[in-house]
Protein backbone atom coordinates (compact mmCIF):
# COMPACT_ATOMS: atom_id res chain seq x y z
CA MET A 1 66.77 118.79 199.98
CA PRO A 2 64.00 119.36 202.56
CA ALA A 3 62.15 121.97 200.50
CA ARG A 4 61.54 123.29 196.99
CA VAL A 5 60.72 126.76 195.68
CA ILE A 6 57.46 128.17 194.34
CA VAL A 7 58.28 131.31 192.34
CA LEU A 8 55.85 134.23 192.09
CA ALA A 9 56.94 136.72 189.44
CA GLY A 10 54.92 139.50 187.83
CA PRO A 11 54.75 143.27 187.32
CA SER A 12 55.16 145.57 190.31
CA GLY A 13 51.75 145.96 191.94
CA SER A 14 50.25 142.79 190.47
CA GLY A 15 49.59 141.28 193.90
CA LYS A 16 52.58 138.95 194.39
CA SER A 17 53.22 139.88 198.02
CA ARG A 18 49.58 139.62 199.01
CA LEU A 19 49.29 136.25 197.28
CA ALA A 20 52.47 135.01 198.97
CA GLU A 21 51.02 135.86 202.39
CA ARG A 22 47.71 134.22 201.47
CA LEU A 23 49.43 130.91 200.66
CA GLY A 24 50.52 130.39 204.26
CA LEU A 25 54.04 129.25 203.35
CA PRO A 26 57.44 130.72 204.30
CA VAL A 27 58.26 133.65 202.00
CA LEU A 28 61.62 134.75 200.62
CA ARG A 29 61.20 138.39 199.57
CA LEU A 30 63.44 138.70 196.54
CA ASP A 31 63.08 142.50 196.48
CA ASP A 32 65.29 142.48 199.59
CA PHE A 33 68.19 141.65 197.27
CA TYR A 34 68.25 145.06 195.57
CA LYS A 35 71.62 146.81 195.36
CA ASP A 36 72.15 149.72 197.75
CA GLY A 37 71.33 153.14 196.36
CA GLY A 38 74.97 154.23 196.34
CA ASP A 39 76.16 151.28 194.25
CA PRO A 40 77.98 152.69 191.18
CA THR A 41 76.84 149.76 189.03
CA LEU A 42 73.16 150.71 189.28
CA PRO A 43 71.55 151.24 185.84
CA ARG A 44 70.10 154.63 184.96
CA ILE A 45 67.04 155.67 182.98
CA THR A 46 68.29 157.28 179.77
CA GLU A 47 65.09 158.70 178.23
CA GLY A 48 61.83 160.39 179.18
CA ALA A 49 60.75 162.42 182.19
CA ASN A 50 62.73 160.24 184.64
CA ALA A 51 66.00 160.33 182.71
CA GLY A 52 69.00 160.24 185.04
CA LEU A 53 67.21 158.45 187.87
CA VAL A 54 68.13 154.93 188.94
CA ASP A 55 66.20 152.33 186.95
CA TRP A 56 64.97 150.14 189.80
CA ASP A 57 62.95 148.07 187.33
CA HIS A 58 66.06 146.86 185.48
CA PRO A 59 67.47 143.46 186.55
CA ASP A 60 70.94 145.03 186.89
CA SER A 61 69.66 146.89 189.97
CA TRP A 62 69.30 143.55 191.71
CA LEU A 63 71.66 140.86 193.06
CA CYS A 64 70.50 137.71 191.31
CA ASP A 65 73.42 135.53 192.46
CA ASP A 66 72.76 136.41 196.11
CA ALA A 67 69.04 135.67 195.74
CA VAL A 68 69.66 132.28 194.16
CA ALA A 69 72.24 131.38 196.80
CA ALA A 70 69.80 132.30 199.57
CA ALA A 71 67.04 130.18 198.04
CA ILE A 72 69.36 127.18 197.70
CA ALA A 73 70.57 127.57 201.29
CA LEU A 74 67.01 127.75 202.61
CA CYS A 75 66.08 124.55 200.79
CA ARG A 76 69.24 122.79 201.93
CA ASP A 77 69.29 123.92 205.55
CA GLY A 78 65.60 124.51 206.28
CA GLY A 79 66.25 128.13 207.24
CA GLY A 80 68.79 130.92 207.21
CA ASP A 81 69.48 134.63 207.54
CA VAL A 82 68.16 136.88 204.75
CA PRO A 83 68.56 140.63 204.21
CA VAL A 84 65.96 143.29 205.01
CA TYR A 85 65.79 146.10 202.46
CA GLU A 86 63.84 149.35 202.77
CA LEU A 87 62.93 150.86 199.40
CA ALA A 88 62.34 154.27 200.96
CA ARG A 89 65.98 154.25 202.15
CA ASP A 90 67.43 152.60 199.05
CA GLY A 91 69.40 150.11 201.12
CA ARG A 92 69.61 147.19 203.48
CA THR A 93 68.69 147.93 207.07
CA GLY A 94 69.50 144.58 208.66
CA TRP A 95 68.98 140.84 208.57
CA GLN A 96 66.26 138.46 209.70
CA HIS A 97 66.11 134.71 210.19
CA LEU A 98 63.72 132.82 207.93
CA ASP A 99 62.78 129.40 209.34
CA LEU A 100 60.93 127.02 207.02
CA ALA A 101 59.78 125.04 210.07
CA GLY A 102 59.66 121.85 208.06
CA ALA A 103 57.52 123.29 205.25
CA PRO A 104 57.98 121.41 201.95
CA PHE A 105 57.91 124.65 199.96
CA VAL A 106 59.21 128.19 200.24
CA VAL A 107 57.65 130.99 198.16
CA ALA A 108 60.12 133.31 196.40
CA GLU A 109 58.41 136.49 195.20
CA GLY A 110 59.56 139.73 193.63
CA ILE A 111 59.60 141.75 190.43
CA PHE A 112 62.75 139.93 189.25
CA ALA A 113 61.64 136.50 190.46
CA GLN A 114 61.55 135.14 186.92
CA GLU A 115 65.34 135.53 186.72
CA VAL A 116 65.89 132.77 189.31
CA VAL A 117 63.66 130.21 187.57
CA PRO A 118 66.21 128.66 185.14
CA ARG A 119 68.86 128.30 187.83
CA LEU A 120 66.51 126.78 190.39
CA ARG A 121 65.31 124.35 187.75
CA GLU A 122 68.92 123.34 187.07
CA GLU A 123 69.39 122.73 190.80
CA GLY A 124 66.27 120.55 190.92
CA LEU A 125 64.65 122.93 193.41
CA LEU A 126 61.84 124.45 191.32
CA ALA A 127 58.39 123.26 192.37
CA ALA A 128 56.40 125.75 190.26
CA ALA A 129 56.74 129.20 188.69
CA TYR A 130 53.94 131.69 188.07
CA CYS A 131 53.70 135.19 186.65
CA VAL A 132 50.90 136.96 188.51
CA ARG A 133 49.02 139.40 186.32
CA ARG A 134 46.01 141.71 186.36
CA ALA A 135 44.64 144.27 183.91
CA PRO A 136 47.35 146.96 183.38
CA ILE A 137 45.18 149.81 184.70
CA VAL A 138 44.38 147.80 187.85
CA THR A 139 48.06 147.06 188.39
CA PHE A 140 48.90 150.75 187.89
CA TRP A 141 46.37 151.88 190.50
CA LEU A 142 47.26 149.25 193.11
CA ARG A 143 50.97 150.00 192.68
CA LEU A 144 50.47 153.75 193.00
CA VAL A 145 48.34 153.43 196.14
CA ARG A 146 50.93 151.11 197.73
CA ASP A 147 53.93 153.24 196.81
CA LEU A 148 52.30 156.45 198.05
CA ARG A 149 51.30 154.77 201.31
CA GLU A 150 54.86 153.52 201.87
CA HIS A 151 56.48 156.82 200.75
CA ARG A 152 58.76 154.89 198.39
CA LYS A 153 59.57 157.87 196.15
CA PRO A 154 58.24 161.41 195.50
CA PRO A 155 54.63 161.32 194.17
CA LEU A 156 55.46 162.75 190.72
CA VAL A 157 58.19 160.14 190.23
CA LEU A 158 55.77 157.40 191.25
CA VAL A 159 53.11 158.55 188.78
CA ARG A 160 55.56 158.84 185.89
CA ARG A 161 57.17 155.51 186.73
CA GLY A 162 53.76 153.88 187.06
CA LEU A 163 52.62 155.07 183.64
CA ALA A 164 55.81 153.78 182.05
CA LEU A 165 55.42 150.42 183.78
CA MET A 166 51.80 150.16 182.68
CA HIS A 167 52.88 150.39 179.05
CA GLU A 168 55.65 147.82 179.65
CA GLN A 169 53.48 145.27 181.45
CA ARG A 170 52.87 143.10 178.38
CA HIS A 171 56.63 142.78 177.82
CA VAL A 172 57.24 141.96 181.50
CA VAL A 173 54.74 139.11 181.37
CA ALA A 174 56.14 137.82 178.08
CA HIS A 175 59.69 137.84 179.47
CA ALA A 176 58.61 135.91 182.56
CA ALA A 177 56.88 133.35 180.36
CA GLU A 178 60.05 132.93 178.29
CA LEU A 179 61.97 132.09 181.46
CA GLY A 180 59.45 129.46 182.52
CA CYS A 181 56.71 131.25 184.49
CA ARG A 182 53.09 130.53 183.66
CA PRO A 183 50.95 133.70 183.49
CA VAL A 184 47.98 133.37 185.87
CA LYS A 185 45.60 135.46 187.92
CA PRO A 186 46.16 135.43 191.70
CA ASP A 187 43.22 133.09 192.40
CA GLU A 188 44.45 130.64 189.78
CA ALA A 189 47.91 130.53 191.32
CA ALA A 190 46.47 130.04 194.81
CA ALA A 191 44.37 127.09 193.64
CA GLU A 192 47.32 125.45 191.91
CA VAL A 193 49.54 125.82 194.96
CA GLU A 194 46.87 124.20 197.11
CA ARG A 195 46.81 121.24 194.75
CA LEU A 196 50.60 121.08 194.85
CA ARG A 197 50.60 121.08 198.64
CA ALA A 198 48.04 118.29 198.67
CA THR A 199 50.46 116.04 196.79
CA VAL A 200 52.99 116.18 199.65
CA SER A 201 50.63 116.15 202.63
């Protein structure tokens, strides 16, 4: 295998995407493997102010098998076509080619990234796995600003969803740790990845 995977998990808004760009490695955006909005298997919120809406924060809203297969293919082939998903449209809008260009690592980041960790470890493709975290109120604010800027959902839905996610953040981090991700701040993860890259340079 020409490459291995560095996984960046963590709560929505914790800074995974920004960290992935900062690392200067090819990035597989795992959020592009969401199910389309019309998929009848999508889970629904059953309680609270958002009851009846699609629960986009539940792993069943996401295609784990497809994400793992894409990661394996990238490591095996050194590149490949991956989907492009627009959250504002609740669906895939096309495909793009991701070329590793000989890089020894590819970063896989997304809110369900922790779900791929056990399977990548079994395949011998896991280089490292981190759960990026910040203070819950900071994560809430950064997520809200981003989601409003990108018009992901109506503002009231975003605020209600953000408050619910803020209260769930501790459980999200704990679940990621159970699956093999080490909870770290963004700067800590960046420093560790630099050390990892130095071992193969």
